[in-house]
C-alpha cells in the first residue's frame, strides 16, 4: 500500500478511496494464516476529482470464481471493473497493469476511452482479443453501470 500511494503521489494523484472487494469466495491464502476473501482496490484522483454518487459504500461484494475465462491467475470480474469505471467521471481510463484486459472490456461496455499497459506479450494479446470482442458486441439493452435513483420526469 505505501509503494502504490507514493507512486500515485509522484504524478499528482492522491488516494481518494480504498475499496474492500469482498470476493464472496475464499482464496488460497498462506499456509499459516487465514484465507483471504477480499482484495483492496485503490482509487486515485488528480485535483478536482470527485464522485457524483456519495451513497456508494467502500465495501463491494462481487463474486469471483476459481475458473477465469482468460486463464490469467488474477483476472477480475468484468462487473467489478464496470462498477469502478462507472463510478468515476472523466474520459480516458488508464490501466497500467492491464493483464487480460478486464478493465478494457468494462470500458468498451461503458463506451469509455481506454489505455492499457501490459509487459507480458501473452496477456497483451489476450487483452486485445477480449477488448476487440467487447467493442464488437452490440448492446441489447442500455447499460447502467450502477443503479441510479429513480427520477420523476415531467409529462409535458
Protein backbone atom coordinates (compact mmCIF):
# COMPACT_ATOMS: atom_id res chain seq x y z
CA UNK A 1 0.00 0.00 0.00
CA UNK A 2 2.71 2.58 0.81
CA UNK A 3 4.51 1.94 -2.50
CA UNK A 4 1.33 2.42 -4.52
CA UNK A 5 0.41 5.57 -2.59
CA UNK A 6 3.87 7.10 -3.07
CA UNK A 7 3.87 6.27 -6.79
CA UNK A 8 0.47 7.91 -7.30
CA UNK A 9 1.55 10.94 -5.29
CA UNK A 10 4.60 11.35 -7.54
CA UNK A 11 2.36 12.06 -10.55
CA UNK A 12 -0.07 14.30 -8.69
CA UNK A 13 -2.80 11.84 -7.73
CA UNK A 14 -3.84 11.24 -4.17
CA UNK A 15 -5.67 8.27 -2.72
CA UNK A 16 -9.33 9.25 -2.67
CA UNK A 17 -10.71 5.89 -1.52
CA UNK A 18 -9.69 2.37 -0.64
CA UNK A 19 -12.41 -0.12 -1.54
CA UNK A 20 -12.64 -3.55 0.03
CA UNK A 21 -13.64 -6.04 -2.67
CA UNK A 22 -15.38 -8.96 -0.96
CA UNK A 23 -14.89 -11.79 -3.46
CA UNK A 24 -17.55 -13.96 -1.84
CA UNK A 25 -15.03 -16.78 -2.28
CA UNK A 26 -12.08 -17.83 -0.14
CA UNK A 27 -8.74 -17.56 -1.89
CA UNK A 28 -5.77 -19.85 -1.37
CA UNK A 29 -4.05 -17.71 1.28
CA UNK A 30 -0.96 -18.64 3.23
CA UNK A 31 -0.43 -21.98 4.95
CA UNK A 32 -0.12 -20.31 8.36
CA UNK A 33 -2.77 -17.59 8.28
CA UNK A 34 -6.39 -17.06 7.45
CA UNK A 35 -7.57 -17.46 3.88
CA UNK A 36 -8.20 -14.09 2.30
CA UNK A 37 -11.68 -13.40 0.96
CA UNK A 38 -11.02 -9.80 -0.06
CA UNK A 39 -8.73 -7.56 -2.08
CA UNK A 40 -8.13 -3.85 -1.75
CA UNK A 41 -8.94 -1.56 -4.66
CA UNK A 42 -7.22 1.83 -4.65
CA UNK A 43 -8.92 4.82 -6.20
CA UNK A 44 -6.68 7.75 -7.08
CA UNK A 45 -7.68 11.17 -8.26
CA UNK A 46 -5.96 14.26 -9.53
CA UNK A 47 -7.02 17.70 -8.19
CA UNK A 48 -10.69 18.31 -8.89
CA UNK A 49 -11.58 14.60 -8.84
CA UNK A 50 -14.86 13.70 -7.20
CA UNK A 51 -17.62 11.11 -7.29
CA UNK A 52 -21.22 12.02 -8.04
CA UNK A 53 -22.79 9.17 -6.06
CA UNK A 54 -21.92 9.90 -2.44
CA UNK A 55 -24.14 6.97 -1.34
CA UNK A 56 -21.66 4.43 -2.76
CA UNK A 57 -20.12 2.33 0.06
CA UNK A 58 -16.46 1.30 0.28
CA UNK A 59 -17.19 -2.44 0.56
CA UNK A 60 -18.23 -4.13 -2.71
CA UNK A 61 -19.41 -7.73 -2.89
CA UNK A 62 -18.68 -9.18 -6.33
CA UNK A 63 -18.28 -12.94 -6.69
CA UNK A 64 -15.02 -14.29 -8.04
CA UNK A 65 -14.84 -17.82 -9.40
CA UNK A 66 -11.87 -20.16 -9.22
CA UNK A 67 -12.06 -20.54 -13.03
CA UNK A 68 -11.17 -17.44 -15.03
CA UNK A 69 -12.17 -17.15 -18.70
CA UNK A 70 -8.83 -15.73 -19.91
CA UNK A 71 -6.59 -18.02 -17.90
CA UNK A 72 -4.91 -15.09 -16.12
CA UNK A 73 -4.38 -16.05 -12.49
CA UNK A 74 -5.61 -12.74 -11.09
CA UNK A 75 -8.32 -11.86 -13.61
CA UNK A 76 -11.00 -9.61 -12.13
CA UNK A 77 -14.74 -9.90 -12.81
CA UNK A 78 -15.96 -7.53 -15.54
CA UNK A 79 -18.83 -6.45 -13.26
CA UNK A 80 -16.36 -5.25 -10.62
CA UNK A 81 -14.47 -3.14 -13.14
CA UNK A 82 -17.70 -1.79 -14.68
CA UNK A 83 -18.73 -0.61 -11.23
CA UNK A 84 -15.37 1.07 -10.63
CA UNK A 85 -15.21 2.73 -14.06
CA UNK A 86 -18.88 3.74 -13.98
CA UNK A 87 -18.46 5.40 -10.60
CA UNK A 88 -15.88 7.88 -11.85
CA UNK A 89 -16.45 10.84 -14.10
CA UNK A 90 -13.97 11.73 -16.77
CA UNK A 91 -12.98 10.40 -20.09
CA UNK A 92 -10.00 8.12 -20.54
CA UNK A 93 -9.30 5.22 -18.17
CA UNK A 94 -5.67 4.14 -17.71
CA UNK A 95 -4.81 0.62 -16.54
CA UNK A 96 -1.01 0.38 -16.12
CA UNK A 97 -1.23 -3.36 -15.29
CA UNK A 98 -3.73 -4.48 -17.93
CA UNK A 99 -3.29 -8.23 -17.55
CA UNK A 100 -6.03 -9.96 -19.53
CA UNK A 101 -7.85 -6.69 -20.23
CA UNK A 102 -10.86 -6.81 -17.90
CA UNK A 103 -10.81 -3.05 -17.33
CA UNK A 104 -10.64 -2.52 -21.10
CA UNK A 105 -13.65 -4.82 -21.56
CA UNK A 106 -15.55 -2.80 -18.94
CA UNK A 107 -14.62 0.43 -20.73
CA UNK A 108 -15.80 -0.99 -24.07
CA UNK A 109 -19.11 -1.95 -22.49
CA UNK A 110 -19.48 1.51 -20.92
CA UNK A 111 -18.18 3.24 -24.08
CA UNK A 112 -15.27 4.90 -22.26
CA UNK A 113 -11.86 5.51 -23.88
CA UNK A 114 -9.20 3.17 -22.52
CA UNK A 115 -5.40 2.95 -22.41
CA UNK A 116 -3.88 -0.31 -21.22
CA UNK A 117 -0.25 -1.17 -20.50
CA UNK A 118 0.93 -4.78 -20.19
CA UNK A 119 4.53 -6.04 -20.18
CA UNK A 120 3.71 -9.72 -20.81
CA UNK A 121 3.11 -10.30 -24.57
CA UNK A 122 0.86 -13.32 -23.98
CA UNK A 123 -1.53 -11.37 -21.78
CA UNK A 124 -1.35 -8.32 -24.03
CA UNK A 125 -2.60 -10.47 -26.93
CA UNK A 126 -5.39 -11.95 -24.78
CA UNK A 127 -6.40 -8.45 -23.66
CA UNK A 128 -6.50 -7.15 -27.23
CA UNK A 129 -8.76 -10.02 -28.30
CA UNK A 130 -11.11 -9.59 -25.34
CA UNK A 131 -11.39 -5.81 -25.78
CA UNK A 132 -11.94 -6.09 -29.55
CA UNK A 133 -14.66 -8.67 -28.95
CA UNK A 134 -16.34 -6.42 -26.36
CA UNK A 135 -16.19 -3.46 -28.76
CA UNK A 136 -17.89 -5.53 -31.49
CA UNK A 137 -20.61 -6.76 -29.15
CA UNK A 138 -23.84 -4.85 -29.71
CA UNK A 139 -25.80 -3.69 -26.68
CA UNK A 140 -29.18 -5.37 -26.39
CA UNK A 141 -30.16 -3.10 -23.53
CA UNK A 142 -28.99 0.29 -22.33
CA UNK A 143 -26.30 -0.48 -19.78
CA UNK A 144 -26.27 1.39 -16.47
CA UNK A 145 -23.03 0.72 -14.55
CA UNK A 146 -24.60 1.39 -11.15
CA UNK A 147 -28.25 1.61 -10.16
CA UNK A 148 -29.48 5.17 -10.30
CA UNK A 149 -32.15 6.69 -8.10
CA UNK A 150 -35.47 6.96 -9.93
CA UNK A 151 -36.22 10.42 -11.32
CA UNK A 152 -39.77 11.61 -11.95
CA UNK A 153 -39.81 13.23 -15.38
CA UNK A 154 -42.41 15.81 -16.36
CA UNK A 155 -45.03 14.61 -18.82
CA UNK A 156 -45.27 17.94 -20.64
